[in-house]
C-alpha cells in the first residue's frame, strides 16, 4: 500500500471509531498544486494512546508532542509510513524548536494556527475532497505567496529553521515571500545558529536539489541568512575573474549560473560540489601586477578543498558525502590537462568514484563561463571508445607473485605493483609474462 492509500485508510479507520481525521500540511498543498507529495500527514482529535490502540503496530516516535507514526509493510520495497498528529496548541519554545508544553485541542482550526505557513496549513477530507482553510492558504497558493501564520516573528522564534524553509518554499514554487514575513527574517537571521547543523544541512540540501538552487541562494542572501550559514559563499560577491576565461562576471555570478543549470534530478554531492567548487577563490585572489599581468587565484583548488572539508564537517555530512564533495572541488581543474595526460593518468582520472559527477561539474563550469567544451567532449569520446576492461584491467601480477619472485612484503610491494600497473595502463605491458619479466628486472636492479 502506498503512502496516500495508507493515509486514506488511517482517516477512514479514525472516523469509523468516532474521531475527526484529515490529511494535512504539505501533502494537501501538493495535491492542490497537482504535484507528487513527498509524504503524507494526518491530523486528528484522537489522542496518541487512542491512535496506538487503533493501529497496534504504530511507533510512538513523538508521543510527547502528540505524534505517532503508522507504518504498513506491503512486502515490496520500503514500508509506507504516515505521521498521525493529535490536534494541539504549542505553549512556549524555549529551545527554539520544540514546544515546552503541548495542550491537545478539539478542533482542526486550533491546530493549524501553530503551523508555519498558510500554504502548509490546509486540511483535506479524503472522503469527499473538501478542503478546510482557516488561514487563507488557498488564496496564497493561488497568488503565489509564502506567508507566516499569525505574527511572523512569533512563528520564527518558535523554530528558527522556519526562516530557511520560507526561502526553500519560495524558491521551489517560485513564490514571493509576503512583506512582513520577509522583513522578520533578517531580524532573526543571527539566531539561525540555534538550529542543529544536521537540520540546516538537510534544508540547505533541499534548496540546492529542489530545482531552484540559484533562486534559493539569492533569497538566502537577500534575507541575510547566507552570511550566517555560508559566509564563504557570500564572500564570492565582487571577486573579479579574468574576462578571457570568465566573460560572465565575478565568482558569485559564475556560481549562480552553474546552480541555475544544475540537472534535474540532481544528487546532493553534485549540487554542493557546484556550490563550493570555487570557494577557494576569494581568499586566494591576486589582482593583476605588471603590464601583462592578470588576475590570479594561485592554489585556489588546494585552499578550496580544505574549505569544502571544513564546511562539510560544520554541517556534519556523512564521511562518504564529505569525501565526494571535497573530491569534486579538488579535481575540477584537472580537466584542462586531459588532452596531454598519459594514458595511465587519464585512465586513473576517469576511475574516480562517481566520475559522472566530476564530468558534469566540468560541463557546467565551462558552459557557464567561456563555453569551450572541447575537453568535456574529449573525455566523453574516451569513455565511449575505451572498453571498461582497458580502464580497469585485471592485475598482471599479484602480491603472491612478488613473494615468489623474492620480494619481501613492505613498502616496495606497492611501488612495484604501481609501476606494473602504470606500464599496463600505458600499454607497454600487455601479458603476464612481460609483467613477470618487468618485476624480475626490478629485483635485479634492487640487488645491484
Protein backbone atom coordinates (compact mmCIF):
# COMPACT_ATOMS: atom_id res chain seq x y z
CA UNK A 1 0.00 0.00 0.00
CA UNK A 2 1.44 3.39 -0.97
CA UNK A 3 1.57 6.29 1.48
CA UNK A 4 -1.52 8.04 0.06
CA UNK A 5 -3.60 4.88 0.29
CA UNK A 6 -2.34 4.29 3.82
CA UNK A 7 -3.20 7.88 4.82
CA UNK A 8 -6.71 7.50 3.40
CA UNK A 9 -7.18 4.22 5.27
CA UNK A 10 -5.98 5.78 8.53
CA UNK A 11 -8.52 8.59 8.14
CA UNK A 12 -11.26 6.05 7.38
CA UNK A 13 -10.37 3.97 10.46
CA UNK A 14 -10.22 7.00 12.77
CA UNK A 15 -13.54 8.31 11.53
CA UNK A 16 -15.10 4.87 11.88
CA UNK A 17 -14.04 5.00 15.53
CA UNK A 18 -15.80 8.34 16.05
CA UNK A 19 -12.87 10.73 15.54
CA UNK A 20 -12.12 13.61 13.21
CA UNK A 21 -9.31 12.95 10.73
CA UNK A 22 -7.90 14.92 7.80
CA UNK A 23 -4.90 14.95 5.52
CA UNK A 24 -2.89 17.99 6.49
CA UNK A 25 0.15 20.06 5.60
CA UNK A 26 2.48 19.76 2.64
CA UNK A 27 0.66 16.80 1.11
CA UNK A 28 -2.55 18.85 0.80
CA UNK A 29 -0.59 21.74 -0.70
CA UNK A 30 0.98 19.42 -3.27
CA UNK A 31 -2.33 17.72 -4.09
CA UNK A 32 -3.90 21.11 -4.81
CA UNK A 33 -0.90 22.10 -6.93
CA UNK A 34 -1.04 18.82 -8.85
CA UNK A 35 2.43 17.84 -7.67
CA UNK A 36 3.52 14.47 -6.26
CA UNK A 37 3.60 14.59 -2.46
CA UNK A 38 6.81 13.54 -0.73
CA UNK A 39 4.95 12.26 2.34
CA UNK A 40 1.52 12.27 3.95
CA UNK A 41 0.42 13.53 7.35
CA UNK A 42 -2.88 13.06 9.17
CA UNK A 43 -4.34 15.36 11.84
CA UNK A 44 -6.96 14.00 14.26
CA UNK A 45 -8.66 14.70 17.57
CA UNK A 46 -7.77 11.16 18.72
CA UNK A 47 -5.11 11.13 21.45
CA UNK A 48 -1.81 9.34 20.82
CA UNK A 49 -2.89 6.47 23.09
CA UNK A 50 -6.09 6.09 21.09
CA UNK A 51 -4.17 6.13 17.80
CA UNK A 52 -1.93 3.35 19.07
CA UNK A 53 -4.95 1.33 20.16
CA UNK A 54 -6.39 1.57 16.66
CA UNK A 55 -3.01 0.90 15.00
CA UNK A 56 -1.11 -1.55 17.22
CA UNK A 57 1.99 -1.62 15.01
CA UNK A 58 2.50 2.14 15.14
CA UNK A 59 5.62 3.83 16.51
CA UNK A 60 5.48 6.40 19.31
CA UNK A 61 8.38 8.47 17.99
CA UNK A 62 6.91 11.80 19.12
CA UNK A 63 4.16 10.85 21.50
CA UNK A 64 5.07 13.68 23.91
CA UNK A 65 4.15 16.08 21.10
CA UNK A 66 1.09 14.11 20.05
CA UNK A 67 2.79 12.41 17.08
CA UNK A 68 2.54 8.74 16.15
CA UNK A 69 4.00 7.06 13.06
CA UNK A 70 1.73 4.46 11.47
CA UNK A 71 3.51 2.05 9.14
CA UNK A 72 2.47 -0.67 6.78
CA UNK A 73 4.81 -3.09 5.04
CA UNK A 74 3.47 -4.12 1.65
CA UNK A 75 6.24 -6.66 1.23
CA UNK A 76 7.75 -4.79 -1.72
CA UNK A 77 10.34 -2.07 -1.16
CA UNK A 78 10.36 0.35 1.74
CA UNK A 79 7.32 0.19 4.06
CA UNK A 80 4.86 3.09 3.80
CA UNK A 81 4.55 5.36 6.80
CA UNK A 82 2.26 8.21 7.74
CA UNK A 83 2.64 10.69 10.61
CA UNK A 84 -0.54 10.99 12.68
CA UNK A 85 -0.68 14.06 14.93
CA UNK A 86 -3.29 14.95 17.53
CA UNK A 87 -4.83 18.41 17.22
CA UNK A 88 -2.86 20.60 19.61
CA UNK A 89 -1.70 24.01 20.68
CA UNK A 90 2.00 24.51 21.45
CA UNK A 91 2.97 26.51 24.53
CA UNK A 92 6.43 28.14 24.59
CA UNK A 93 9.56 27.27 22.59
CA UNK A 94 12.49 27.74 24.96
CA UNK A 95 14.91 25.76 22.75
CA UNK A 96 13.81 27.40 19.50
CA UNK A 97 12.49 24.14 18.13
CA UNK A 98 10.32 22.05 20.48
CA UNK A 99 7.26 23.29 22.37
CA UNK A 100 7.74 23.47 26.13
CA UNK A 101 4.24 22.14 26.61
CA UNK A 102 1.57 20.63 24.39
CA UNK A 103 -2.14 21.12 25.00
CA UNK A 104 -4.42 18.88 22.99
CA UNK A 105 -7.15 20.68 21.08
CA UNK A 106 -10.56 19.54 19.95
CA UNK A 107 -10.76 21.36 16.63
CA UNK A 108 -8.61 21.48 13.49
CA UNK A 109 -8.84 25.29 13.50
CA UNK A 110 -6.89 25.47 16.75
CA UNK A 111 -4.34 23.00 15.41
CA UNK A 112 -3.42 24.80 12.18
CA UNK A 113 -2.64 28.07 13.96
CA UNK A 114 0.54 26.51 15.38
CA UNK A 115 1.88 25.60 11.93
CA UNK A 116 4.44 27.56 9.92
CA UNK A 117 2.99 28.92 6.66
CA UNK A 118 -0.54 29.31 5.34
CA UNK A 119 0.06 27.08 2.32
CA UNK A 120 1.12 24.28 4.70
CA UNK A 121 -1.93 24.62 6.97
CA UNK A 122 -4.67 23.28 4.72
CA UNK A 123 -6.70 20.19 5.61
CA UNK A 124 -8.32 17.76 3.19
CA UNK A 125 -11.18 15.36 3.83
CA UNK A 126 -10.08 12.33 1.74
CA UNK A 127 -13.64 11.01 1.61
CA UNK A 128 -15.25 13.93 -0.22
CA UNK A 129 -12.27 16.08 -1.23
CA UNK A 130 -13.41 19.05 0.88
CA UNK A 131 -10.61 21.46 1.82
CA UNK A 132 -10.68 23.21 5.20
CA UNK A 133 -8.83 26.53 5.16
CA UNK A 134 -8.75 28.61 8.35
CA UNK A 135 -5.75 30.81 7.48
CA UNK A 136 -6.14 31.86 3.83
CA UNK A 137 -3.82 29.24 2.47
CA UNK A 138 -5.81 28.63 -0.72
CA UNK A 139 -5.64 32.31 -1.63
CA UNK A 140 -1.87 32.33 -1.03
CA UNK A 141 -1.49 29.21 -3.18
CA UNK A 142 -3.42 30.94 -5.94
CA UNK A 143 -1.45 34.17 -5.60
CA UNK A 144 1.96 32.53 -5.14
CA UNK A 145 2.75 33.84 -1.65
CA UNK A 146 4.70 32.40 1.30
CA UNK A 147 3.06 33.88 4.40
CA UNK A 148 3.71 33.00 8.04
CA UNK A 149 0.61 32.17 10.08
CA UNK A 150 -0.14 34.91 12.60
CA UNK A 151 2.84 37.04 13.62
CA UNK A 152 5.96 36.08 11.60
CA UNK A 153 8.37 36.89 14.45
CA UNK A 154 6.43 34.54 16.72
CA UNK A 155 6.48 31.71 14.17
CA UNK A 156 10.21 32.12 13.54
CA UNK A 157 11.03 32.41 17.24
CA UNK A 158 9.31 29.06 17.76
CA UNK A 159 11.58 27.33 15.26
CA UNK A 160 14.39 29.28 13.63
CA UNK A 161 14.66 26.75 10.81
CA UNK A 162 11.35 28.11 9.50
CA UNK A 163 13.31 31.07 8.13
CA UNK A 164 15.29 28.76 5.83
CA UNK A 165 12.11 26.83 5.00
CA UNK A 166 10.46 30.08 3.88
CA UNK A 167 13.33 30.56 1.45
CA UNK A 168 13.11 26.98 0.24
CA UNK A 169 9.39 27.10 -0.44
CA UNK A 170 9.65 30.49 -2.15
CA UNK A 171 12.43 29.21 -4.41
CA UNK A 172 10.89 25.81 -5.08
CA UNK A 173 7.45 27.14 -6.04
CA UNK A 174 8.75 30.44 -7.44
CA UNK A 175 6.56 32.32 -4.96
CA UNK A 176 7.11 35.68 -3.30
CA UNK A 177 7.64 35.92 0.45
CA UNK A 178 4.93 38.16 1.94
CA UNK A 179 6.37 41.50 3.14
CA UNK A 180 6.03 41.13 6.93
CA UNK A 181 7.21 37.52 6.72
CA UNK A 182 10.22 38.61 4.67
CA UNK A 183 11.13 41.51 6.98
CA UNK A 184 11.10 39.25 10.03
CA UNK A 185 13.86 37.02 8.66
CA UNK A 186 16.80 39.48 8.66
CA UNK A 187 15.86 40.50 12.20
CA UNK A 188 16.29 36.94 13.44
CA UNK A 189 18.93 35.72 10.97
CA UNK A 190 21.78 35.84 13.54
CA UNK A 191 19.80 33.38 15.68
CA UNK A 192 19.81 30.70 12.97
CA UNK A 193 22.83 29.15 14.71
CA UNK A 194 20.48 27.83 17.39
CA UNK A 195 19.34 25.23 14.84
CA UNK A 196 21.26 21.96 14.73
CA UNK A 197 23.82 21.51 11.96
CA UNK A 198 22.02 18.41 10.69
CA UNK A 199 18.68 20.19 10.24
CA UNK A 200 20.37 23.12 8.48
CA UNK A 201 22.32 20.75 6.22
CA UNK A 202 19.16 18.92 5.18
CA UNK A 203 17.24 22.14 4.48
CA UNK A 204 20.11 23.66 2.51
CA UNK A 205 20.49 20.44 0.54
CA UNK A 206 16.82 20.59 -0.41
CA UNK A 207 17.28 24.17 -1.58
CA UNK A 208 20.16 23.03 -3.78
CA UNK A 209 18.41 19.96 -5.23
CA UNK A 210 14.74 21.01 -5.49
CA UNK A 211 15.25 22.56 -8.93
CA UNK A 212 15.63 26.22 -7.97
CA UNK A 213 19.12 26.35 -6.46
CA UNK A 214 20.04 29.75 -7.86
CA UNK A 215 16.91 31.47 -6.57
CA UNK A 216 17.34 29.74 -3.23
CA UNK A 217 20.89 31.04 -2.76
CA UNK A 218 19.84 34.52 -3.92
CA UNK A 219 16.98 34.54 -1.37
CA UNK A 220 19.30 33.37 1.39
CA UNK A 221 21.47 36.35 0.51
CA UNK A 222 18.55 38.81 0.35
CA UNK A 223 17.26 37.69 3.75
CA UNK A 224 20.79 37.91 5.28
CA UNK A 225 20.80 34.23 6.07
CA UNK A 226 23.63 33.45 3.66
CA UNK A 227 26.38 35.31 5.59
CA UNK A 228 25.26 33.44 8.71
CA UNK A 229 25.07 29.98 7.15
CA UNK A 230 27.64 30.09 4.36
CA UNK A 231 29.84 33.18 4.73
CA UNK A 232 32.33 31.59 2.33
CA UNK A 233 29.73 31.81 -0.45
CA UNK A 234 28.70 35.37 0.43
CA UNK A 235 32.36 36.38 0.08
CA UNK A 236 32.31 35.42 -3.61
CA UNK A 237 30.43 38.62 -4.46
CA UNK A 238 32.62 41.17 -6.21
CA UNK A 239 35.59 38.81 -6.63
CA UNK A 240 36.61 39.56 -10.22
CA UNK A 241 37.89 36.92 -12.65
CA UNK A 242 39.98 37.09 -15.83
CA UNK A 243 37.49 38.16 -18.53
CA UNK A 244 39.13 35.98 -21.17
CA UNK A 245 38.11 32.91 -19.16
CA UNK A 246 35.07 34.30 -17.35
CA UNK A 247 33.22 36.83 -19.50
CA UNK A 248 30.10 36.21 -17.38
CA UNK A 249 31.49 38.13 -14.41
CA UNK A 250 32.67 37.58 -10.85
CA UNK A 251 32.87 34.34 -8.88
CA UNK A 252 29.42 34.90 -7.38
CA UNK A 253 27.77 35.33 -10.79
CA UNK A 254 29.60 32.32 -12.22
CA UNK A 255 28.48 30.11 -9.33
CA UNK A 256 24.87 31.28 -9.60
CA UNK A 257 24.79 30.47 -13.31
CA UNK A 258 26.09 26.97 -12.62
CA UNK A 259 23.49 26.45 -9.90
CA UNK A 260 20.77 27.60 -12.28
CA UNK A 261 21.87 24.96 -14.80
CA UNK A 262 22.06 22.01 -12.41
CA UNK A 263 20.45 18.93 -13.98
CA UNK A 264 17.24 17.54 -12.53
CA UNK A 265 17.21 15.27 -10.71
CA UNK A 266 20.46 16.30 -9.07
CA UNK A 267 22.45 14.48 -6.43
CA UNK A 268 23.24 16.18 -3.15
CA UNK A 269 27.00 15.82 -3.70
CA UNK A 270 26.99 17.32 -7.20
CA UNK A 271 24.89 20.27 -6.02
CA UNK A 272 27.22 21.01 -3.11
CA UNK A 273 30.25 20.39 -5.34
CA UNK A 274 29.00 23.05 -7.76
CA UNK A 275 28.29 25.49 -4.92
CA UNK A 276 31.77 25.01 -3.42
CA UNK A 277 33.96 24.35 -6.46
CA UNK A 278 35.38 27.91 -6.46
CA UNK A 279 35.11 28.54 -2.73
CA UNK A 280 38.89 28.92 -2.59
CA UNK A 281 38.97 31.88 -4.98
CA UNK A 282 38.06 34.75 -2.63
CA UNK A 283 40.92 34.06 -0.17
CA UNK A 284 43.46 33.47 -2.99
CA UNK A 285 42.50 36.42 -5.21
CA UNK A 286 45.51 38.36 -6.51
CA UNK A 287 45.00 41.48 -8.69
CA UNK A 288 46.97 41.92 -11.91
CA UNK A 289 50.57 43.06 -11.48
CA UNK A 290 52.78 44.39 -14.22
CA UNK A 291 51.86 45.47 -17.75
CA UNK A 292 50.85 41.97 -18.90
CA UNK A 293 49.57 40.68 -15.58
CA UNK A 294 46.18 39.14 -15.00
CA UNK A 295 44.05 38.19 -12.05
CA UNK A 296 45.36 35.07 -10.35
CA UNK A 297 43.98 32.54 -7.88
CA UNK A 298 47.13 30.59 -7.04
CA UNK A 299 46.41 27.36 -5.14
CA UNK A 300 42.68 28.08 -5.06
CA UNK A 301 41.98 24.38 -5.60
CA UNK A 302 44.02 23.29 -2.60
CA UNK A 303 42.62 26.07 -0.42
CA UNK A 304 39.09 25.40 -1.67
CA UNK A 305 39.36 21.68 -0.94
CA UNK A 306 40.31 22.37 2.66
CA UNK A 307 37.47 24.88 2.97
CA UNK A 308 34.99 22.40 1.50
CA UNK A 309 36.11 19.79 4.02
CA UNK A 310 35.61 22.30 6.84
CA UNK A 311 32.13 23.22 5.59
CA UNK A 312 31.14 19.56 5.31
CA UNK A 313 32.40 18.99 8.84
CA UNK A 314 30.50 22.03 10.09
CA UNK A 315 27.24 20.69 8.67
CA UNK A 316 28.03 17.12 9.72
CA UNK A 317 27.85 15.48 6.35
CA UNK A 318 28.47 11.74 6.23
CA UNK A 319 32.08 10.72 5.59
CA UNK A 320 31.12 9.42 2.15
CA UNK A 321 29.36 12.60 1.06
CA UNK A 322 32.13 14.78 2.52
CA UNK A 323 34.77 12.84 0.60
CA UNK A 324 32.89 13.17 -2.68
CA UNK A 325 32.19 16.90 -2.29
CA UNK A 326 35.84 17.56 -1.44
CA UNK A 327 36.95 15.39 -4.39
CA UNK A 328 34.75 17.39 -6.77
CA UNK A 329 36.45 20.59 -5.60
CA UNK A 330 39.93 19.04 -5.64
CA UNK A 331 39.69 17.66 -9.19
CA UNK A 332 37.64 20.24 -11.07
CA UNK A 333 40.68 21.93 -12.65
CA UNK A 334 42.30 18.68 -13.83
CA UNK A 335 40.11 18.61 -16.94
CA UNK A 336 42.21 21.35 -18.54
CA UNK A 337 45.07 18.82 -18.84
CA UNK A 338 43.20 15.78 -20.18
CA UNK A 339 44.42 16.04 -23.82
CA UNK A 340 48.04 15.93 -22.64
CA UNK A 341 47.61 13.21 -19.99
CA UNK A 342 49.45 9.93 -20.42
CA UNK A 343 47.03 7.03 -20.96
CA UNK A 344 47.66 5.75 -17.42
CA UNK A 345 46.95 9.16 -15.86
CA UNK A 346 43.75 9.60 -17.85
CA UNK A 347 42.52 6.12 -17.00
CA UNK A 348 43.15 6.68 -13.32
CA UNK A 349 41.38 10.04 -13.55
CA UNK A 350 38.19 8.60 -15.03
CA UNK A 351 38.28 5.88 -12.36
CA UNK A 352 37.49 8.45 -9.67
CA UNK A 353 34.46 7.49 -7.59
CA UNK A 354 31.25 8.77 -9.21
CA UNK A 355 33.20 10.23 -12.11
CA UNK A 356 29.96 11.17 -13.84
CA UNK A 357 29.59 13.95 -11.26
CA UNK A 358 33.10 15.23 -11.95
CA UNK A 359 32.35 15.29 -15.67
CA UNK A 360 29.02 17.06 -15.17
CA UNK A 361 30.59 19.69 -12.90
CA UNK A 362 33.19 20.34 -15.61
CA UNK A 363 30.47 20.71 -18.26
CA UNK A 364 28.59 23.19 -16.07
CA UNK A 365 31.82 25.06 -15.29
CA UNK A 366 32.69 25.54 -18.96
CA UNK A 367 29.18 26.24 -20.26
CA UNK A 368 28.73 28.85 -17.52
CA UNK A 369 31.93 30.72 -18.44
CA UNK A 370 34.00 30.58 -21.64
CA UNK A 371 31.77 27.98 -23.31
CA UNK A 372 34.62 25.79 -24.60
CA UNK A 373 33.57 22.15 -24.19
CA UNK A 374 36.43 20.57 -26.14
CA UNK A 375 37.91 18.79 -23.12
CA UNK A 376 34.47 17.64 -21.99
CA UNK A 377 33.89 16.08 -25.40
CA UNK A 378 37.41 14.60 -25.34
CA UNK A 379 36.64 12.73 -22.12
CA UNK A 380 33.20 11.71 -23.40
CA UNK A 381 34.80 10.18 -26.51
CA UNK A 382 37.42 8.44 -24.42
CA UNK A 383 34.78 6.86 -22.19
CA UNK A 384 32.71 5.83 -25.20
CA UNK A 385 35.58 4.38 -27.21
CA UNK A 386 37.62 2.76 -24.43
CA UNK A 387 36.38 -0.63 -23.18
CA UNK A 388 35.93 -0.72 -19.38
CA UNK A 389 38.42 -3.62 -19.24
CA UNK A 390 41.13 -1.27 -20.52
CA UNK A 391 40.28 1.38 -17.93
CA UNK A 392 40.22 -1.15 -15.07
CA UNK A 393 42.27 -4.08 -16.34
CA UNK A 394 42.84 -7.14 -14.14
CA UNK A 395 46.25 -7.18 -12.44
CA UNK A 396 49.04 -8.85 -14.39
CA UNK A 397 50.88 -9.70 -11.17
CA UNK A 398 49.82 -10.02 -7.53
CA UNK A 399 51.47 -9.80 -4.15
CA UNK A 400 51.86 -13.58 -4.13
CA UNK A 401 53.75 -13.33 -7.41
CA UNK A 402 56.10 -10.77 -5.87
CA UNK A 403 56.83 -13.06 -2.91
CA UNK A 404 57.51 -15.91 -5.32
CA UNK A 405 59.99 -13.69 -7.16
CA UNK A 406 61.93 -12.96 -3.98
CA UNK A 407 60.45 -9.71 -2.74
CA UNK A 408 59.56 -9.32 0.93
CA UNK A 409 56.25 -7.68 1.88
CA UNK A 410 56.72 -3.99 2.63
CA UNK A 411 56.73 -0.55 1.02
CA UNK A 412 58.48 -1.90 -2.08
CA UNK A 413 55.44 -4.07 -2.80
CA UNK A 414 53.27 -1.07 -3.50
CA UNK A 415 55.97 0.62 -5.54
CA UNK A 416 56.37 -2.44 -7.78
CA UNK A 417 52.63 -3.05 -8.20
CA UNK A 418 52.05 0.61 -9.08
CA UNK A 419 54.91 0.53 -11.60
CA UNK A 420 53.46 -2.58 -13.25
CA UNK A 421 50.00 -1.02 -13.39
CA UNK A 422 51.42 2.23 -14.80
CA UNK A 423 53.10 0.31 -17.63
CA UNK A 424 49.98 -1.80 -18.16
CA UNK A 425 47.70 1.24 -18.40
CA UNK A 426 50.16 2.91 -20.80
CA UNK A 427 50.09 -0.21 -22.98
CA UNK A 428 53.76 -1.17 -22.60
CA UNK A 429 52.93 -4.30 -20.59
CA UNK A 430 50.17 -6.46 -22.01
CA UNK A 431 50.92 -10.00 -20.87
CA UNK A 432 51.58 -11.70 -17.56
CA UNK A 433 54.90 -12.97 -18.89
CA UNK A 434 56.11 -9.47 -19.73
CA UNK A 435 55.00 -8.25 -16.31
CA UNK A 436 56.91 -11.06 -14.56
CA UNK A 437 59.99 -10.13 -16.55
CA UNK A 438 59.45 -6.48 -15.57
CA UNK A 439 59.42 -7.46 -11.88
CA UNK A 440 62.49 -9.70 -12.26
CA UNK A 441 64.43 -6.85 -13.83
CA UNK A 442 63.30 -4.60 -10.97
CA UNK A 443 64.53 -7.12 -8.39
CA UNK A 444 67.91 -7.36 -10.12
CA UNK A 445 68.27 -3.59 -10.07
CA UNK A 446 67.46 -3.57 -6.35
CA UNK A 447 70.12 -6.18 -5.66
CA UNK A 448 72.93 -4.42 -7.53
